[in-house]
């Protein structure tokens, strides 16, 4: 039985929704496994790696260096978006997703066996950075492919809710990583820092095997197969996807700017927020458990706001989310500064439910509707990963630098987030509320030199 919304549109195109259910499960679980690995590193960077791989520096410099390795993973994400975007648009979505998950799992599992700086000297942080680069390249293609598989299997009027399953995998992975790391952080510090932190990284191998089993059971995107057939029938010489995207840079630029503020909210609820809470009266294990609870709030919020975007449009929901997220920043810091469990729980719930849920919920469908099928993997992934690099990768570094002069004063961060939020709102306001596929699931006829236009999503 198909799931329908108030407009009576089925979730899928065709007579059988069983394949879409498998695709949604694959997108969700695959993205969850990928972000378990990625967020595990983010959480460990400011709590563990600064003490084990950069312990020759002062505490503040060690934290900055650890966040610097976090940023390295983000810097290479756009490179991964271009590389895997090419293969995703030319070879297929499914095969790329299998490869990216394998890369991420292998890199994370190997981190569990890395020697520390005290054991092998400068080679320790170098090896850590190399594995971090592999992680970043992998994530560069992961989210875009997972989102597109759901987006392109779903009915055009239900793509917001379908595509959010890939996005919801991110806070799910964050929650799982936080809980697992928090459980091991309950150990005495000497045991946790010597071997306890390694176990959550080693568990990645088990999760990847399960994720691959799910991914190998789904079919290729019907819109991708349709595009391949169209090009073959027309004897059309395919252009490089990145060239197609850059021929009309407006969609890419507006998408990138629109996502900057949401990624700053993501940064506050992730590596930076966890480290900030741990330095204001909360234990490492408690702040990890609390951030995991915030991720649970985020999952519910993303599902709700994605479904809402199918009814009233992506832009109104996302603009409201950016405004709410900006308004939540100052209370977020005030609540964490209380050093109490209830204050931290409210802080993480607030930023996850409003700043992240309302923006990341419709995000996958919003991005998918900017680009044609033949270059959609590249365009969606590149716009998303550039924003992730600036907002998510350099966010902790910028926030840490803004706090350096006075650790009790978060006002510079608040003003910074407000400024970026204004840019994101402007970009969303300038974006068109339209999809590139018609109501029957086929791409609107147009030449490659025309911009994407179609009927509005109401």
Protein backbone atom coordinates (compact mmCIF):
# COMPACT_ATOMS: atom_id res chain seq x y z
CA UNK A 1 0.00 0.00 0.00
CA UNK A 2 1.44 3.35 -1.02
CA UNK A 3 1.97 6.24 1.32
CA UNK A 4 0.01 9.32 0.21
CA UNK A 5 -0.09 12.91 1.39
CA UNK A 6 -3.06 15.28 1.52
CA UNK A 7 -2.71 15.87 -2.23
CA UNK A 8 -3.09 12.10 -2.85
CA UNK A 9 0.18 11.74 -4.69
CA UNK A 10 1.82 8.31 -4.24
CA UNK A 11 5.43 8.19 -3.11
CA UNK A 12 6.51 6.35 -6.24
CA UNK A 13 6.06 6.46 -10.01
CA UNK A 14 4.45 3.30 -11.42
CA UNK A 15 2.34 0.54 -9.91
CA UNK A 16 4.71 -0.99 -7.38
CA UNK A 17 6.24 0.90 -4.47
CA UNK A 18 8.33 -1.98 -3.12
CA UNK A 19 11.45 -0.88 -5.02
CA UNK A 20 11.19 2.65 -3.64
CA UNK A 21 11.01 1.24 -0.11
CA UNK A 22 14.27 -0.59 -0.72
CA UNK A 23 15.80 2.56 -2.17
CA UNK A 24 14.73 4.67 0.82
CA UNK A 25 16.15 2.08 3.20
CA UNK A 26 19.38 1.98 1.21
CA UNK A 27 19.68 5.79 1.15
CA UNK A 28 18.98 6.09 4.85
CA UNK A 29 21.18 3.25 6.10
CA UNK A 30 24.01 3.97 3.68
CA UNK A 31 24.09 7.64 4.60
CA UNK A 32 23.89 6.75 8.28
CA UNK A 33 26.93 4.46 8.02
CA UNK A 34 28.91 7.05 6.07
CA UNK A 35 28.17 9.80 8.56
CA UNK A 36 28.80 7.55 11.53
CA UNK A 37 32.35 7.35 10.20
CA UNK A 38 32.64 11.02 9.31
CA UNK A 39 31.07 12.41 12.50
CA UNK A 40 33.01 9.97 14.67
CA UNK A 41 36.15 11.70 13.43
CA UNK A 42 34.59 15.15 14.00
CA UNK A 43 33.71 14.31 17.61
CA UNK A 44 37.12 12.74 18.26
CA UNK A 45 39.08 15.62 16.72
CA UNK A 46 38.59 18.04 19.60
CA UNK A 47 38.38 15.44 22.36
CA UNK A 48 40.99 12.79 21.51
CA UNK A 49 43.20 13.54 18.52
CA UNK A 50 44.45 16.82 19.97
CA UNK A 51 45.84 14.83 22.92
CA UNK A 52 47.27 11.88 20.98
CA UNK A 53 48.48 13.26 17.65
CA UNK A 54 49.28 16.91 18.50
CA UNK A 55 50.40 16.62 22.13
CA UNK A 56 53.65 18.45 21.39
CA UNK A 57 51.64 21.70 21.09
CA UNK A 58 49.91 23.85 23.68
CA UNK A 59 46.30 22.78 24.45
CA UNK A 60 44.80 25.62 22.37
CA UNK A 61 47.17 25.02 19.44
CA UNK A 62 46.57 21.27 19.63
CA UNK A 63 42.80 21.80 19.39
CA UNK A 64 43.27 24.12 16.41
CA UNK A 65 45.54 21.55 14.73
CA UNK A 66 43.01 18.76 15.33
CA UNK A 67 40.22 20.92 13.88
CA UNK A 68 42.60 21.64 10.99
CA UNK A 69 42.68 17.93 10.10
CA UNK A 70 38.89 18.01 10.32
CA UNK A 71 38.93 20.86 7.80
CA UNK A 72 41.22 18.89 5.46
CA UNK A 73 38.50 16.27 5.05
CA UNK A 74 36.07 19.01 4.09
CA UNK A 75 38.48 20.69 1.65
CA UNK A 76 38.72 17.57 -0.52
CA UNK A 77 34.97 16.96 -0.50
CA UNK A 78 34.36 19.17 -3.59
CA UNK A 79 37.10 17.21 -5.37
CA UNK A 80 35.27 14.01 -4.50
CA UNK A 81 32.04 15.60 -5.74
CA UNK A 82 33.57 16.28 -9.16
CA UNK A 83 35.24 12.86 -9.44
CA UNK A 84 32.33 10.76 -8.25
CA UNK A 85 29.84 13.14 -9.85
CA UNK A 86 31.37 12.35 -13.24
CA UNK A 87 31.06 8.60 -12.75
CA UNK A 88 27.63 8.95 -11.16
CA UNK A 89 26.35 10.90 -14.17
CA UNK A 90 28.05 8.67 -16.74
CA UNK A 91 28.34 5.16 -15.27
CA UNK A 92 25.49 5.10 -12.77
CA UNK A 93 24.44 6.17 -9.28
CA UNK A 94 24.47 2.71 -7.71
CA UNK A 95 28.06 1.68 -8.52
CA UNK A 96 29.43 4.97 -7.20
CA UNK A 97 27.57 4.54 -3.92
CA UNK A 98 29.06 1.09 -3.41
CA UNK A 99 32.56 2.48 -4.01
CA UNK A 100 32.20 5.50 -1.73
CA UNK A 101 30.92 3.41 1.16
CA UNK A 102 33.79 0.95 0.78
CA UNK A 103 36.35 3.76 0.82
CA UNK A 104 34.86 5.42 3.88
CA UNK A 105 34.64 2.18 5.84
CA UNK A 106 38.21 1.18 5.07
CA UNK A 107 39.64 4.60 6.02
CA UNK A 108 37.72 4.76 9.31
CA UNK A 109 38.55 1.20 10.33
CA UNK A 110 42.26 1.82 9.67
CA UNK A 111 42.17 4.82 12.02
CA UNK A 112 41.54 2.36 14.84
CA UNK A 113 45.04 0.97 14.34
CA UNK A 114 46.97 4.22 13.94
CA UNK A 115 49.99 4.65 16.22
CA UNK A 116 50.15 7.92 18.16
CA UNK A 117 52.73 10.69 17.98
CA UNK A 118 54.50 9.35 21.06
CA UNK A 119 54.98 6.06 19.22
CA UNK A 120 56.12 7.08 15.73
CA UNK A 121 56.53 10.85 15.88
CA UNK A 122 55.40 13.14 13.07
CA UNK A 123 54.28 10.22 10.88
CA UNK A 124 51.28 9.74 13.17
CA UNK A 125 49.48 13.00 12.25
CA UNK A 126 50.54 12.54 8.60
CA UNK A 127 48.87 9.12 8.42
CA UNK A 128 45.82 10.56 10.18
CA UNK A 129 45.55 13.30 7.55
CA UNK A 130 45.92 10.79 4.68
CA UNK A 131 43.03 8.70 6.00
CA UNK A 132 41.04 11.87 6.59
CA UNK A 133 41.52 12.80 2.93
CA UNK A 134 40.12 9.42 1.87
CA UNK A 135 37.13 10.05 4.12
CA UNK A 136 36.57 13.47 2.57
CA UNK A 137 36.76 12.20 -1.02
CA UNK A 138 34.28 9.46 -0.16
CA UNK A 139 31.73 11.78 1.43
CA UNK A 140 32.09 14.08 -1.58
CA UNK A 141 30.17 11.56 -3.66
CA UNK A 142 28.16 9.77 -0.98
CA UNK A 143 25.41 12.14 0.01
CA UNK A 144 24.64 13.30 -3.53
CA UNK A 145 24.27 9.76 -4.82
CA UNK A 146 22.17 8.59 -1.87
CA UNK A 147 19.86 11.60 -2.17
CA UNK A 148 19.49 11.18 -5.93
CA UNK A 149 18.59 7.51 -5.73
CA UNK A 150 15.59 8.42 -3.56
CA UNK A 151 14.84 11.64 -5.47
CA UNK A 152 14.83 9.94 -8.89
CA UNK A 153 12.79 6.91 -7.82
CA UNK A 154 10.04 9.00 -6.20
CA UNK A 155 6.97 10.74 -7.60
CA UNK A 156 7.88 14.37 -8.45
CA UNK A 157 5.31 15.68 -5.96
CA UNK A 158 6.77 13.60 -3.11
CA UNK A 159 10.47 14.09 -3.71
CA UNK A 160 10.98 16.24 -0.64
CA UNK A 161 9.90 13.49 1.72
CA UNK A 162 11.63 10.74 -0.29
CA UNK A 163 14.99 12.48 -0.61
CA UNK A 164 15.11 13.41 3.06
CA UNK A 165 15.83 9.78 3.97
CA UNK A 166 19.40 10.28 2.76
CA UNK A 167 19.65 13.51 4.74
CA UNK A 168 18.11 11.94 7.85
CA UNK A 169 20.87 9.35 7.73
CA UNK A 170 23.32 12.09 8.71
CA UNK A 171 21.92 12.88 12.19
CA UNK A 172 21.27 9.16 12.64
CA UNK A 173 24.94 8.48 11.99
CA UNK A 174 25.84 11.38 14.27
CA UNK A 175 23.64 9.97 17.01
CA UNK A 176 25.10 6.48 16.67
CA UNK A 177 28.67 7.80 16.67
CA UNK A 178 27.99 9.98 19.69
CA UNK A 179 26.40 7.18 21.70
CA UNK A 180 29.12 4.64 20.91
CA UNK A 181 31.92 7.11 21.66
CA UNK A 182 30.15 8.28 24.83
CA UNK A 183 29.88 4.72 26.15
CA UNK A 184 33.61 4.19 25.78
CA UNK A 185 34.31 7.66 27.22
CA UNK A 186 32.87 6.38 30.50
CA UNK A 187 36.09 4.40 30.90
CA UNK A 188 38.94 5.84 32.98
CA UNK A 189 40.80 8.45 30.91
CA UNK A 190 44.01 6.46 30.68
CA UNK A 191 42.19 3.43 29.21
CA UNK A 192 39.96 5.50 26.96
CA UNK A 193 42.89 7.42 25.47
CA UNK A 194 45.08 4.35 25.10
CA UNK A 195 42.66 1.94 23.42
CA UNK A 196 38.99 2.67 24.23
CA UNK A 197 38.55 5.31 21.53
CA UNK A 198 39.77 2.85 18.89
CA UNK A 199 36.86 0.41 19.24
CA UNK A 200 34.16 2.73 17.78
CA UNK A 201 36.42 3.27 14.74
CA UNK A 202 36.97 -0.47 14.30
CA UNK A 203 33.19 -1.08 14.44
CA UNK A 204 32.91 0.85 11.18
CA UNK A 205 33.95 -2.27 9.28
CA UNK A 206 30.92 -4.19 10.56
CA UNK A 207 28.55 -1.34 9.71
CA UNK A 208 29.95 -1.04 6.19
CA UNK A 209 29.35 -4.71 5.44
CA UNK A 210 25.71 -4.29 6.43
CA UNK A 211 25.38 -1.07 4.40
CA UNK A 212 26.87 -2.68 1.29
CA UNK A 213 24.45 -5.61 1.57
CA UNK A 214 21.55 -3.11 1.49
CA UNK A 215 22.97 -1.07 -1.39
CA UNK A 216 23.69 -4.01 -3.65
CA UNK A 217 20.01 -5.02 -3.58
CA UNK A 218 18.55 -1.84 -5.15
CA UNK A 219 18.08 -1.04 -8.82
CA UNK A 220 19.63 1.82 -10.77
CA UNK A 221 17.85 5.19 -10.94
CA UNK A 222 15.06 5.11 -13.57
CA UNK A 223 15.73 8.72 -14.58
CA UNK A 224 19.41 7.95 -15.10
CA UNK A 225 18.51 4.96 -17.32
CA UNK A 226 15.99 7.13 -19.16
CA UNK A 227 18.65 9.80 -19.78
CA UNK A 228 21.09 7.18 -21.06
CA UNK A 229 18.45 5.87 -23.46
CA UNK A 230 17.62 9.37 -24.67
CA UNK A 231 21.27 10.15 -25.40
CA UNK A 232 21.75 6.83 -27.23
CA UNK A 233 18.63 7.31 -29.35
CA UNK A 234 19.67 10.84 -30.29
CA UNK A 235 23.27 9.75 -30.91
CA UNK A 236 24.13 12.68 -28.69
CA UNK A 237 27.72 13.19 -27.68
CA UNK A 238 27.69 13.61 -23.91
CA UNK A 239 29.56 16.53 -22.43
CA UNK A 240 31.48 16.44 -19.17
CA UNK A 241 28.95 16.89 -16.34
CA UNK A 242 31.09 19.56 -14.69
CA UNK A 243 31.07 21.57 -17.94
CA UNK A 244 27.29 21.32 -18.11
CA UNK A 245 27.02 22.58 -14.54
CA UNK A 246 29.45 25.45 -15.02
CA UNK A 247 27.73 26.62 -18.22
CA UNK A 248 24.92 27.88 -15.99
CA UNK A 249 26.74 28.78 -12.76
CA UNK A 250 23.80 30.64 -11.24
CA UNK A 251 22.19 27.48 -9.86
CA UNK A 252 25.49 26.31 -8.39
CA UNK A 253 26.34 29.67 -6.80
CA UNK A 254 22.91 30.26 -5.31
CA UNK A 255 22.79 26.70 -3.97
CA UNK A 256 26.19 27.06 -2.36
CA UNK A 257 25.37 30.37 -0.66
CA UNK A 258 21.95 29.12 0.44
CA UNK A 259 23.54 26.23 2.32
CA UNK A 260 26.21 28.22 4.18
CA UNK A 261 24.02 29.14 7.16
CA UNK A 262 22.61 25.61 7.57
CA UNK A 263 26.13 24.21 7.67
CA UNK A 264 27.14 26.68 10.36
CA UNK A 265 24.23 25.37 12.45
CA UNK A 266 25.47 21.85 11.70
CA UNK A 267 28.92 22.87 12.94
CA UNK A 268 27.50 24.28 16.19
CA UNK A 269 25.71 21.01 16.90
CA UNK A 270 28.76 18.95 15.95
CA UNK A 271 32.47 19.20 16.60
CA UNK A 272 32.52 22.77 17.93
CA UNK A 273 29.43 22.47 20.11
CA UNK A 274 30.64 19.21 21.65
CA UNK A 275 34.05 20.69 22.45
CA UNK A 276 32.48 23.90 23.80
CA UNK A 277 30.17 21.96 26.09
CA UNK A 278 33.04 19.80 27.36
CA UNK A 279 34.95 22.95 28.38
CA UNK A 280 31.99 24.48 30.23
CA UNK A 281 31.31 22.02 33.03
CA UNK A 282 30.07 18.94 31.16
CA UNK A 283 31.90 15.63 31.07
CA UNK A 284 32.93 14.18 27.72
CA UNK A 285 30.47 11.30 27.95
CA UNK A 286 27.54 13.50 29.00
CA UNK A 287 27.98 16.04 26.20
CA UNK A 288 28.23 13.21 23.66
CA UNK A 289 25.01 11.63 24.96
CA UNK A 290 23.28 15.02 24.91
CA UNK A 291 24.41 15.79 21.36
CA UNK A 292 23.06 12.38 20.34
CA UNK A 293 19.69 13.31 21.82
CA UNK A 294 19.81 16.49 19.73
CA UNK A 295 20.40 14.37 16.64
CA UNK A 296 17.24 12.42 17.43
CA UNK A 297 15.30 15.70 17.50
CA UNK A 298 16.91 16.58 14.18
CA UNK A 299 15.69 13.38 12.50
CA UNK A 300 12.06 14.06 13.41
CA UNK A 301 12.34 17.72 12.38
CA UNK A 302 13.89 16.87 9.00
CA UNK A 303 11.12 14.39 8.18
CA UNK A 304 8.42 16.89 9.14
CA UNK A 305 9.86 19.86 7.25
CA UNK A 306 10.66 17.77 4.17
CA UNK A 307 7.02 16.66 3.97
CA UNK A 308 5.92 20.26 4.53
CA UNK A 309 8.10 21.39 1.61
CA UNK A 310 6.19 19.04 -0.70
CA UNK A 311 3.06 21.02 0.15
CA UNK A 312 4.18 24.66 0.35
CA UNK A 313 7.53 24.66 -1.47
CA UNK A 314 11.19 24.32 -0.54
CA UNK A 315 12.11 28.00 -0.27
CA UNK A 316 9.57 29.14 2.39
CA UNK A 317 10.52 26.24 4.66
CA UNK A 318 14.26 26.75 4.24
CA UNK A 319 14.10 30.54 4.68
CA UNK A 320 12.13 30.03 7.88
CA UNK A 321 14.72 27.51 9.01
CA UNK A 322 17.64 29.89 8.39
CA UNK A 323 15.90 32.65 10.36
CA UNK A 324 15.09 30.28 13.24
CA UNK A 325 18.63 28.90 13.22
CA UNK A 326 20.17 32.38 13.41
CA UNK A 327 17.86 33.29 16.28
CA UNK A 328 18.92 30.12 18.13
CA UNK A 329 22.67 30.81 18.19
CA UNK A 330 22.83 33.16 21.19
CA UNK A 331 20.50 31.01 23.34
CA UNK A 332 22.61 27.98 22.32
CA UNK A 333 25.72 29.46 23.92
CA UNK A 334 23.89 30.79 26.97
CA UNK A 335 22.42 27.37 27.67
CA UNK A 336 25.76 25.59 27.26
CA UNK A 337 27.44 28.08 29.56
CA UNK A 338 25.16 26.96 32.38
CA UNK A 339 27.19 23.75 32.51
CA UNK A 340 24.02 21.79 33.28
CA UNK A 341 22.58 18.73 31.61
CA UNK A 342 19.17 20.34 31.09
CA UNK A 343 20.75 23.47 29.60
CA UNK A 344 22.88 21.48 27.15
CA UNK A 345 19.95 19.23 26.20
CA UNK A 346 17.78 22.26 25.42
CA UNK A 347 20.64 23.91 23.50
CA UNK A 348 21.27 20.93 21.22
CA UNK A 349 17.54 20.28 20.75
CA UNK A 350 16.98 23.92 19.77
CA UNK A 351 19.74 24.12 17.16
CA UNK A 352 18.94 20.68 15.74
CA UNK A 353 15.19 21.12 15.57
CA UNK A 354 15.19 24.61 14.06
CA UNK A 355 18.57 25.52 12.59
CA UNK A 356 19.16 22.11 11.01
CA UNK A 357 15.80 20.32 10.73
CA UNK A 358 13.97 23.03 8.79
CA UNK A 359 16.85 23.64 6.38
CA UNK A 360 18.30 20.17 5.84
CA UNK A 361 14.85 18.57 5.58
CA UNK A 362 13.94 20.05 2.14
CA UNK A 363 17.60 20.46 1.13
CA UNK A 364 18.06 17.30 -0.97
CA UNK A 365 14.98 17.95 -3.10
CA UNK A 366 15.82 21.65 -3.37
CA UNK A 367 19.26 20.79 -4.73
CA UNK A 368 18.01 18.03 -7.02
CA UNK A 369 15.57 20.43 -8.63
CA UNK A 370 18.36 22.77 -9.70
CA UNK A 371 20.04 20.46 -12.25
CA UNK A 372 19.24 18.22 -15.22
CA UNK A 373 19.46 14.44 -14.93
CA UNK A 374 22.61 14.22 -17.05
CA UNK A 375 24.60 16.48 -14.70
CA UNK A 376 22.53 16.28 -11.52
CA UNK A 377 24.93 14.09 -9.52
CA UNK A 378 27.78 16.53 -10.21
CA UNK A 379 25.80 19.73 -9.67
CA UNK A 380 24.02 18.62 -6.51
CA UNK A 381 27.16 17.12 -4.95
CA UNK A 382 29.42 20.04 -5.84
CA UNK A 383 27.11 22.76 -4.52
CA UNK A 384 26.51 20.82 -1.32
CA UNK A 385 30.16 19.97 -0.72
CA UNK A 386 31.47 23.49 -1.36
CA UNK A 387 29.05 24.77 1.27
CA UNK A 388 30.06 21.91 3.57
CA UNK A 389 33.73 22.82 3.13
CA UNK A 390 33.25 26.49 4.00
CA UNK A 391 30.55 26.16 6.66
CA UNK A 392 31.34 22.76 8.12
CA UNK A 393 35.07 22.43 7.53
CA UNK A 394 36.25 25.91 8.43
CA UNK A 395 33.38 26.67 10.81
CA UNK A 396 35.09 25.14 13.89
CA UNK A 397 38.32 26.97 13.05
CA UNK A 398 36.52 30.30 12.61
CA UNK A 399 34.50 29.85 15.81
CA UNK A 400 37.59 28.82 17.78
CA UNK A 401 39.51 31.85 16.50
CA UNK A 402 36.60 34.19 17.37
CA UNK A 403 36.60 32.80 20.91
CA UNK A 404 40.37 32.95 21.32
CA UNK A 405 40.45 36.46 22.80
CA UNK A 406 37.68 35.85 25.34
CA UNK A 407 36.32 32.36 25.90
CA UNK A 408 33.29 33.64 27.83
CA UNK A 409 32.10 35.95 25.05
CA UNK A 410 30.28 34.27 22.15
CA UNK A 411 28.92 37.52 20.68
CA UNK A 412 31.46 37.60 17.78
CA UNK A 413 30.22 34.15 16.72
CA UNK A 414 26.61 35.29 16.94
CA UNK A 415 27.27 38.27 14.66
CA UNK A 416 29.21 36.09 12.23
CA UNK A 417 26.35 33.58 11.96
CA UNK A 418 23.80 36.39 11.54
CA UNK A 419 25.80 37.86 8.66
CA UNK A 420 26.09 34.55 6.85
CA UNK A 421 22.40 33.85 7.47
CA UNK A 422 21.46 37.06 5.66
CA UNK A 423 23.45 35.87 2.63
CA UNK A 424 21.71 32.47 2.70
CA UNK A 425 18.27 34.09 2.91
CA UNK A 426 19.09 36.31 -0.06
CA UNK A 427 20.26 33.32 -2.11
CA UNK A 428 17.11 31.36 -1.29
CA UNK A 429 14.93 34.35 -2.17
CA UNK A 430 16.65 34.65 -5.57
CA UNK A 431 16.30 30.91 -6.32
CA UNK A 432 13.35 29.77 -8.40
CA UNK A 433 10.80 27.44 -6.84
CA UNK A 434 10.72 24.99 -9.71
CA UNK A 435 11.62 21.41 -10.60
CA UNK A 436 13.44 20.13 -13.67
CA UNK A 437 11.11 17.15 -14.18
CA UNK A 438 7.51 17.12 -15.26
CA UNK A 439 4.61 15.62 -13.27
CA UNK A 440 4.98 12.27 -15.03
CA UNK A 441 8.59 11.91 -13.93
CA UNK A 442 10.14 12.69 -17.32
CA UNK A 443 12.54 15.55 -17.80
CA UNK A 444 11.06 18.68 -19.31
CA UNK A 445 12.14 18.98 -22.93
CA UNK A 446 14.81 21.61 -23.46
CA UNK A 447 18.19 21.95 -25.05
CA UNK A 448 21.38 21.73 -23.02
CA UNK A 449 21.87 25.48 -23.43
CA UNK A 450 18.60 26.31 -21.68
CA UNK A 451 18.32 26.76 -17.93
CA UNK A 452 16.27 24.37 -15.86
CA UNK A 453 12.58 25.32 -15.78
CA UNK A 454 9.40 23.44 -15.08
CA UNK A 455 6.16 23.63 -13.22
CA UNK A 456 6.29 24.83 -9.65
CA UNK A 457 6.11 22.40 -6.76
CA UNK A 458 3.02 23.43 -4.82
